[in-house]
Amino acid sequence: MRILLVEDERPLAEWLCKALAQTGFQVDWIADGSLALRALQAHDHDALVLDLGLPGRSGHEVLQQLRAADRRLPVLVLTARDSLAERVHTLNEGADDFLAKPFALPELEARLTALLRRARGVEHPRFSCGPLGFDGVTRQFTLHGEPLPLPRREHALLRTLLQRSGEPVSRQQIIDRVFSDEDDVLPAAVDVLVHRLRKRLENAGVRIATYRGLGYVLEAGSAP
């Protein structure tokens, strides 16, 4: 799950990037509100964690422009402004959730997971496609009820496909999520990773289909 964090407090932002990465989130951080919408256009994100008191452009302005453009990205506002009026105003502007500073990391993780579930219409913390499941709490895959351990990149790829099961995921979207720590990744690297994952899922009741011009789709059913 790729998150855009817009936060100008460097110590807090650096801590959040490291802490969320340890629990399976991939975090892009920017410190200026004026760059937030540009970052959302440049990369594909699953959710936005947004501070209100930002340089360049306030969190309120970012949120208003995001919703005015009909972008339905889940937004969690993270701020020290905790008055009732502030919470009501921010939610009415289009925020999906509101968490006041200081906060506990497990609560932030739980709220992000809940936002992503609701965005996909899933009512429980376990994503699934046929016999393949992913537990949002343990961050582990199961296949036919048995643990499915995977190397780091294959884990990230399968999680990306599962979060959007039934929908095409382009090579660029995969590069953004799975190879974000590398520069100049060739599309062939995605193909190799998909091939390895397909071998693991062979005859397992779930497959990765290729839709030319669109990308890869995780589907229930065996490969033809």
C-alpha atoms as a PDB file:
ATOM      1  CA  MET A   1       0.000   0.000   0.000  1.00  0.00           C
ATOM      2  CA  ARG A   2       1.553   3.253  -1.154  1.00  0.00           C
ATOM      3  CA  ILE A   3       0.885   6.298   1.026  1.00  0.00           C
ATOM      4  CA  LEU A   4       1.670   9.947   0.378  1.00  0.00           C
ATOM      5  CA  LEU A   5       2.593  11.709   3.630  1.00  0.00           C
ATOM      6  CA  VAL A   6       2.410  15.521   3.535  1.00  0.00           C
ATOM      7  CA  GLU A   7       3.975  16.681   6.800  1.00  0.00           C
ATOM      8  CA  ASP A   8       6.398  19.550   7.506  1.00  0.00           C
ATOM      9  CA  GLU A   9       7.701  18.309  10.882  1.00  0.00           C
ATOM     10  CA  ARG A  10      10.837  16.460   9.756  1.00  0.00           C
ATOM     11  CA  PRO A  11      11.417  14.314  12.893  1.00  0.00           C
ATOM     12  CA  LEU A  12       7.791  13.142  12.876  1.00  0.00           C
ATOM     13  CA  ALA A  13       7.793  12.486   9.140  1.00  0.00           C
ATOM     14  CA  GLU A  14      11.046  10.516   9.206  1.00  0.00           C
ATOM     15  CA  TRP A  15       9.797   8.432  12.130  1.00  0.00           C
ATOM     16  CA  LEU A  16       6.496   7.725  10.378  1.00  0.00           C
ATOM     17  CA  CYS A  17       8.224   6.697   7.140  1.00  0.00           C
ATOM     18  CA  LYS A  18      10.376   4.152   8.993  1.00  0.00           C
ATOM     19  CA  ALA A  19       7.628   2.891  11.306  1.00  0.00           C
ATOM     20  CA  LEU A  20       5.005   2.437   8.574  1.00  0.00           C
ATOM     21  CA  ALA A  21       7.537   0.745   6.286  1.00  0.00           C
ATOM     22  CA  GLN A  22       8.106  -1.912   8.944  1.00  0.00           C
ATOM     23  CA  THR A  23       4.405  -2.824   8.837  1.00  0.00           C
ATOM     24  CA  GLY A  24       4.125  -3.067   5.057  1.00  0.00           C
ATOM     25  CA  PHE A  25       3.266   0.473   4.003  1.00  0.00           C
ATOM     26  CA  GLN A  26       5.303   2.264   1.373  1.00  0.00           C
ATOM     27  CA  VAL A  27       5.531   5.964   2.219  1.00  0.00           C
ATOM     28  CA  ASP A  28       6.432   8.924   0.000  1.00  0.00           C
ATOM     29  CA  TRP A  29       7.061  12.071   2.019  1.00  0.00           C
ATOM     30  CA  ILE A  30       6.895  15.710   1.001  1.00  0.00           C
ATOM     31  CA  ALA A  31       6.993  18.696   3.367  1.00  0.00           C
ATOM     32  CA  ASP A  32       5.300  21.420   1.281  1.00  0.00           C
ATOM     33  CA  GLY A  33       1.591  21.643   0.576  1.00  0.00           C
ATOM     34  CA  SER A  34       2.167  23.267  -2.811  1.00  0.00           C
ATOM     35  CA  LEU A  35       3.860  20.058  -3.999  1.00  0.00           C
ATOM     36  CA  ALA A  36       1.163  17.680  -2.754  1.00  0.00           C
ATOM     37  CA  LEU A  37      -1.137  17.688  -5.773  1.00  0.00           C
ATOM     38  CA  ARG A  38       1.849  17.481  -8.120  1.00  0.00           C
ATOM     39  CA  ALA A  39       3.082  14.404  -6.245  1.00  0.00           C
ATOM     40  CA  LEU A  40      -0.360  12.793  -6.459  1.00  0.00           C
ATOM     41  CA  GLN A  41      -0.426  13.367 -10.211  1.00  0.00           C
ATOM     42  CA  ALA A  42       3.095  12.034 -10.712  1.00  0.00           C
ATOM     43  CA  HIS A  43       2.549   8.758  -8.852  1.00  0.00           C
ATOM     44  CA  ASP A  44      -0.278   6.404  -8.021  1.00  0.00           C
ATOM     45  CA  HIS A  45      -1.098   6.340  -4.297  1.00  0.00           C
ATOM     46  CA  ASP A  46      -3.610   4.399  -2.228  1.00  0.00           C
ATOM     47  CA  ALA A  47      -4.125   7.036   0.469  1.00  0.00           C
ATOM     48  CA  LEU A  48      -3.048  10.505   1.572  1.00  0.00           C
ATOM     49  CA  VAL A  49      -1.973  11.411   5.128  1.00  0.00           C
ATOM     50  CA  LEU A  50      -2.248  15.183   5.281  1.00  0.00           C
ATOM     51  CA  ASP A  51      -1.163  17.765   7.858  1.00  0.00           C
ATOM     52  CA  LEU A  52      -3.116  21.037   7.920  1.00  0.00           C
ATOM     53  CA  GLY A  53      -0.422  23.542   8.921  1.00  0.00           C
ATOM     54  CA  LEU A  54       1.860  23.336   5.887  1.00  0.00           C
ATOM     55  CA  PRO A  55       4.170  25.782   4.118  1.00  0.00           C
ATOM     56  CA  GLY A  56       3.373  26.714   0.536  1.00  0.00           C
ATOM     57  CA  ARG A  57      -0.273  25.700   0.665  1.00  0.00           C
ATOM     58  CA  SER A  58      -2.364  24.681   3.652  1.00  0.00           C
ATOM     59  CA  GLY A  59      -3.786  21.223   4.088  1.00  0.00           C
ATOM     60  CA  HIS A  60      -7.252  22.717   3.723  1.00  0.00           C
ATOM     61  CA  GLU A  61      -6.341  24.077   0.280  1.00  0.00           C
ATOM     62  CA  VAL A  62      -4.837  20.750  -0.786  1.00  0.00           C
ATOM     63  CA  LEU A  63      -7.959  18.898   0.316  1.00  0.00           C
ATOM     64  CA  GLN A  64     -10.300  21.366  -1.398  1.00  0.00           C
ATOM     65  CA  GLN A  65      -8.421  21.145  -4.704  1.00  0.00           C
ATOM     66  CA  LEU A  66      -8.246  17.376  -4.501  1.00  0.00           C
ATOM     67  CA  ARG A  67     -12.016  17.053  -4.066  1.00  0.00           C
ATOM     68  CA  ALA A  68     -12.780  19.813  -6.590  1.00  0.00           C
ATOM     69  CA  ALA A  69     -10.927  17.696  -9.158  1.00  0.00           C
ATOM     70  CA  ASP A  70     -13.143  14.727  -8.158  1.00  0.00           C
ATOM     71  CA  ARG A  71     -10.155  12.754  -6.866  1.00  0.00           C
ATOM     72  CA  ARG A  72     -11.615  10.180  -4.496  1.00  0.00           C
ATOM     73  CA  LEU A  73      -8.358   9.182  -2.852  1.00  0.00           C
ATOM     74  CA  PRO A  74      -8.829   8.304   0.854  1.00  0.00           C
ATOM     75  CA  VAL A  75      -7.533  11.176   3.000  1.00  0.00           C
ATOM     76  CA  LEU A  76      -6.558  10.971   6.665  1.00  0.00           C
ATOM     77  CA  VAL A  77      -5.896  14.370   8.224  1.00  0.00           C
ATOM     78  CA  LEU A  78      -3.144  14.318  10.833  1.00  0.00           C
ATOM     79  CA  THR A  79      -2.909  17.544  12.823  1.00  0.00           C
ATOM     80  CA  ALA A  80      -2.491  19.213  16.195  1.00  0.00           C
ATOM     81  CA  ARG A  81      -5.662  21.238  15.597  1.00  0.00           C
ATOM     82  CA  ASP A  82      -8.161  19.159  17.564  1.00  0.00           C
ATOM     83  CA  SER A  83     -11.155  21.422  18.178  1.00  0.00           C
ATOM     84  CA  LEU A  84     -14.629  20.154  17.338  1.00  0.00           C
ATOM     85  CA  ALA A  85     -15.095  22.954  14.809  1.00  0.00           C
ATOM     86  CA  GLU A  86     -11.821  22.011  13.070  1.00  0.00           C
ATOM     87  CA  ARG A  87     -12.775  18.340  12.873  1.00  0.00           C
ATOM     88  CA  VAL A  88     -16.247  19.082  11.501  1.00  0.00           C
ATOM     89  CA  HIS A  89     -14.916  21.613   8.976  1.00  0.00           C
ATOM     90  CA  THR A  90     -12.188  19.255   7.744  1.00  0.00           C
ATOM     91  CA  LEU A  91     -14.553  16.305   7.355  1.00  0.00           C
ATOM     92  CA  ASN A  92     -17.033  18.500   5.496  1.00  0.00           C
ATOM     93  CA  GLU A  93     -14.246  19.535   3.114  1.00  0.00           C
ATOM     94  CA  GLY A  94     -13.846  15.916   2.112  1.00  0.00           C
ATOM     95  CA  ALA A  95     -11.456  14.287   4.577  1.00  0.00           C
ATOM     96  CA  ASP A  96     -12.270  10.644   5.299  1.00  0.00           C
ATOM     97  CA  ASP A  97     -10.781  10.547   8.786  1.00  0.00           C
ATOM     98  CA  PHE A  98      -9.142  12.825  11.334  1.00  0.00           C
ATOM     99  CA  LEU A  99      -6.419  11.925  13.837  1.00  0.00           C
ATOM    100  CA  ALA A 100      -5.081  14.442  16.345  1.00  0.00           C
ATOM    101  CA  LYS A 101      -1.435  14.745  17.394  1.00  0.00           C
ATOM    102  CA  PRO A 102      -0.009  13.229  19.507  1.00  0.00           C
ATOM    103  CA  PHE A 103      -1.221   9.814  18.403  1.00  0.00           C
ATOM    104  CA  ALA A 104      -0.364   6.147  18.799  1.00  0.00           C
ATOM    105  CA  LEU A 105       1.174   4.441  15.763  1.00  0.00           C
ATOM    106  CA  PRO A 106      -1.109   1.348  15.987  1.00  0.00           C
ATOM    107  CA  GLU A 107      -4.149   3.625  15.774  1.00  0.00           C
ATOM    108  CA  LEU A 108      -2.785   5.365  12.674  1.00  0.00           C
ATOM    109  CA  GLU A 109      -2.087   1.989  11.034  1.00  0.00           C
ATOM    110  CA  ALA A 110      -5.564   0.730  11.909  1.00  0.00           C
ATOM    111  CA  ARG A 111      -7.228   3.862  10.547  1.00  0.00           C
ATOM    112  CA  LEU A 112      -5.256   3.654   7.290  1.00  0.00           C
ATOM    113  CA  THR A 113      -6.175  -0.001   6.850  1.00  0.00           C
ATOM    114  CA  ALA A 114      -9.832   0.820   7.511  1.00  0.00           C
ATOM    115  CA  LEU A 115      -9.769   3.626   4.932  1.00  0.00           C
ATOM    116  CA  LEU A 116      -8.316   1.291   2.316  1.00  0.00           C
ATOM    117  CA  ARG A 117     -10.901  -1.387   3.116  1.00  0.00           C
ATOM    118  CA  ARG A 118     -13.755   1.068   2.723  1.00  0.00           C
ATOM    119  CA  ALA A 119     -12.290   2.432  -0.510  1.00  0.00           C
ATOM    120  CA  ARG A 120     -12.460  -1.073  -1.969  1.00  0.00           C
ATOM    121  CA  GLY A 121     -15.787  -1.954  -0.376  1.00  0.00           C
ATOM    122  CA  VAL A 122     -14.209  -4.563   1.910  1.00  0.00           C
ATOM    123  CA  GLU A 123     -15.674  -4.838   5.391  1.00  0.00           C
ATOM    124  CA  HIS A 124     -12.966  -6.872   7.097  1.00  0.00           C
ATOM    125  CA  PRO A 125      -9.168  -6.560   7.336  1.00  0.00           C
ATOM    126  CA  ARG A 126      -8.501  -9.583   5.165  1.00  0.00           C
ATOM    127  CA  PHE A 127      -8.204  -9.135   1.412  1.00  0.00           C
ATOM    128  CA  SER A 128      -8.800 -12.240  -0.692  1.00  0.00           C
ATOM    129  CA  CYS A 129      -9.014 -13.574  -4.235  1.00  0.00           C
ATOM    130  CA  GLY A 130     -10.181 -17.164  -4.507  1.00  0.00           C
ATOM    131  CA  PRO A 131      -8.005 -19.315  -2.226  1.00  0.00           C
ATOM    132  CA  LEU A 132      -5.459 -16.496  -1.745  1.00  0.00           C
ATOM    133  CA  GLY A 133      -5.794 -14.308   1.334  1.00  0.00           C
ATOM    134  CA  PHE A 134      -3.881 -11.464   2.938  1.00  0.00           C
ATOM    135  CA  ASP A 135      -4.315 -10.568   6.587  1.00  0.00           C
ATOM    136  CA  GLY A 136      -4.066  -6.808   7.113  1.00  0.00           C
ATOM    137  CA  VAL A 137      -3.030  -7.276  10.743  1.00  0.00           C
ATOM    138  CA  THR A 138      -0.257  -9.858  10.378  1.00  0.00           C
ATOM    139  CA  ARG A 139       0.700  -8.738   6.833  1.00  0.00           C
ATOM    140  CA  GLN A 140       0.898 -12.378   5.815  1.00  0.00           C
ATOM    141  CA  PHE A 141      -0.443 -14.263   2.793  1.00  0.00           C
ATOM    142  CA  THR A 142      -2.230 -17.583   2.946  1.00  0.00           C
ATOM    143  CA  LEU A 143      -3.032 -19.956   0.101  1.00  0.00           C
ATOM    144  CA  HIS A 144      -5.727 -22.574   0.738  1.00  0.00           C
ATOM    145  CA  GLY A 145      -5.413 -21.679   4.420  1.00  0.00           C
ATOM    146  CA  GLU A 146      -1.674 -22.360   4.558  1.00  0.00           C
ATOM    147  CA  PRO A 147       1.028 -19.665   5.011  1.00  0.00           C
ATOM    148  CA  LEU A 148       2.556 -18.433   1.762  1.00  0.00           C
ATOM    149  CA  PRO A 149       6.018 -16.981   2.531  1.00  0.00           C
ATOM    150  CA  LEU A 150       7.432 -14.811  -0.262  1.00  0.00           C
ATOM    151  CA  PRO A 151      10.608 -12.809  -0.930  1.00  0.00           C
ATOM    152  CA  ARG A 152      10.221  -9.080  -0.331  1.00  0.00           C
ATOM    153  CA  ARG A 153       9.576  -7.963  -3.908  1.00  0.00           C
ATOM    154  CA  GLU A 154       7.220 -10.830  -4.717  1.00  0.00           C
ATOM    155  CA  HIS A 155       5.343 -10.060  -1.501  1.00  0.00           C
ATOM    156  CA  ALA A 156       5.014  -6.406  -2.525  1.00  0.00           C
ATOM    157  CA  LEU A 157       3.888  -7.316  -6.044  1.00  0.00           C
ATOM    158  CA  LEU A 158       1.278  -9.813  -4.874  1.00  0.00           C
ATOM    159  CA  ARG A 159      -0.034  -7.349  -2.291  1.00  0.00           C
ATOM    160  CA  THR A 160      -0.368  -4.688  -4.993  1.00  0.00           C
ATOM    161  CA  LEU A 161      -2.254  -7.047  -7.310  1.00  0.00           C
ATOM    162  CA  LEU A 162      -4.471  -8.369  -4.517  1.00  0.00           C
ATOM    163  CA  GLN A 163      -5.483  -4.898  -3.359  1.00  0.00           C
ATOM    164  CA  ARG A 164      -6.832  -4.317  -6.871  1.00  0.00           C
ATOM    165  CA  SER A 165      -7.870  -7.850  -7.754  1.00  0.00           C
ATOM    166  CA  GLY A 166     -10.020  -7.916 -10.863  1.00  0.00           C
ATOM    167  CA  GLU A 167      -8.582  -4.585 -12.042  1.00  0.00           C
ATOM    168  CA  PRO A 168      -5.596  -4.054 -14.364  1.00  0.00           C
ATOM    169  CA  VAL A 169      -2.391  -2.831 -12.706  1.00  0.00           C
ATOM    170  CA  SER A 170       0.049  -1.275 -15.169  1.00  0.00           C
ATOM    171  CA  ARG A 171       3.789  -1.860 -15.261  1.00  0.00           C
ATOM    172  CA  GLN A 172       4.367   1.716 -14.150  1.00  0.00           C
ATOM    173  CA  GLN A 173       2.081   1.273 -11.143  1.00  0.00           C
ATOM    174  CA  ILE A 174       4.011  -1.859 -10.214  1.00  0.00           C
ATOM    175  CA  ILE A 175       7.337  -0.049 -10.597  1.00  0.00           C
ATOM    176  CA  ASP A 176       6.068   2.778  -8.363  1.00  0.00           C
ATOM    177  CA  ARG A 177       5.069   0.353  -5.603  1.00  0.00           C
ATOM    178  CA  VAL A 178       7.522  -2.519  -5.837  1.00  0.00           C
ATOM    179  CA  PHE A 179      10.708  -0.834  -7.108  1.00  0.00           C
ATOM    180  CA  SER A 180      10.314   2.589  -5.496  1.00  0.00           C
ATOM    181  CA  ASP A 181      13.772   2.308  -3.903  1.00  0.00           C
ATOM    182  CA  GLU A 182      15.486   1.965  -7.291  1.00  0.00           C
ATOM    183  CA  ASP A 183      16.064   4.358 -10.191  1.00  0.00           C
ATOM    184  CA  ASP A 184      15.694   3.580 -13.898  1.00  0.00           C
ATOM    185  CA  VAL A 185      13.896   0.254 -13.487  1.00  0.00           C
ATOM    186  CA  LEU A 186      13.259  -1.415 -16.839  1.00  0.00           C
ATOM    187  CA  PRO A 187       9.794  -2.845 -17.628  1.00  0.00           C
ATOM    188  CA  ALA A 188      11.475  -6.220 -18.147  1.00  0.00           C
ATOM    189  CA  ALA A 189      12.175  -6.363 -14.406  1.00  0.00           C
ATOM    190  CA  VAL A 190       8.421  -6.343 -13.796  1.00  0.00           C
ATOM    191  CA  ASP A 191       7.915  -9.150 -16.305  1.00  0.00           C
ATOM    192  CA  VAL A 192      10.559 -11.284 -14.586  1.00  0.00           C
ATOM    193  CA  LEU A 193       8.969 -10.740 -11.182  1.00  0.00           C
ATOM    194  CA  VAL A 194       5.512 -11.577 -12.519  1.00  0.00           C
ATOM    195  CA  HIS A 195       6.893 -14.758 -14.077  1.00  0.00           C
ATOM    196  CA  ARG A 196       8.352 -15.883 -10.743  1.00  0.00           C
ATOM    197  CA  LEU A 197       5.094 -15.202  -8.944  1.00  0.00           C
ATOM    198  CA  ARG A 198       3.093 -17.034 -11.588  1.00  0.00           C
ATOM    199  CA  LYS A 199       5.235 -20.113 -11.028  1.00  0.00           C
ATOM    200  CA  ARG A 200       4.444 -20.018  -7.299  1.00  0.00           C
ATOM    201  CA  LEU A 201       0.713 -19.746  -7.989  1.00  0.00           C
ATOM    202  CA  GLU A 202       0.648 -22.419 -10.686  1.00  0.00           C
ATOM    203  CA  ASN A 203      -2.434 -24.687 -10.372  1.00  0.00           C
ATOM    204  CA  ALA A 204      -3.351 -22.938  -7.103  1.00  0.00           C
ATOM    205  CA  GLY A 205      -6.762 -21.613  -8.101  1.00  0.00           C
ATOM    206  CA  VAL A 206      -5.580 -18.027  -8.561  1.00  0.00           C
ATOM    207  CA  ARG A 207      -3.665 -16.583 -11.510  1.00  0.00           C
ATOM    208  CA  ILE A 208      -2.075 -13.432 -12.888  1.00  0.00           C
ATOM    209  CA  ALA A 209      -3.557 -12.612 -16.280  1.00  0.00           C
ATOM    210  CA  THR A 210      -2.026 -10.230 -18.827  1.00  0.00           C
ATOM    211  CA  TYR A 211      -4.270  -7.669 -20.506  1.00  0.00           C
ATOM    212  CA  ARG A 212      -2.365  -6.138 -23.402  1.00  0.00           C
ATOM    213  CA  GLY A 213      -2.062  -2.393 -23.147  1.00  0.00           C
ATOM    214  CA  LEU A 214      -3.541  -2.366 -19.633  1.00  0.00           C
ATOM    215  CA  GLY A 215      -1.324  -4.468 -17.379  1.00  0.00           C
ATOM    216  CA  TYR A 216      -1.662  -7.441 -15.058  1.00  0.00           C
ATOM    217  CA  VAL A 217      -4.801  -8.624 -13.266  1.00  0.00           C
ATOM    218  CA  LEU A 218      -5.066 -11.043 -10.340  1.00  0.00           C
ATOM    219  CA  GLU A 219      -8.024 -13.368 -10.899  1.00  0.00           C
ATOM    220  CA  ALA A 220      -9.502 -16.432  -9.235  1.00  0.00           C
ATOM    221  CA  GLY A 221      -9.215 -19.562 -11.367  1.00  0.00           C
ATOM    222  CA  SER A 222      -6.425 -21.617 -12.861  1.00  0.00           C
ATOM    223  CA  ALA A 223      -4.391 -20.511 -15.851  1.00  0.00           C
ATOM    224  CA  PRO A 224      -5.711 -21.837 -19.168  1.00  0.00           C
END
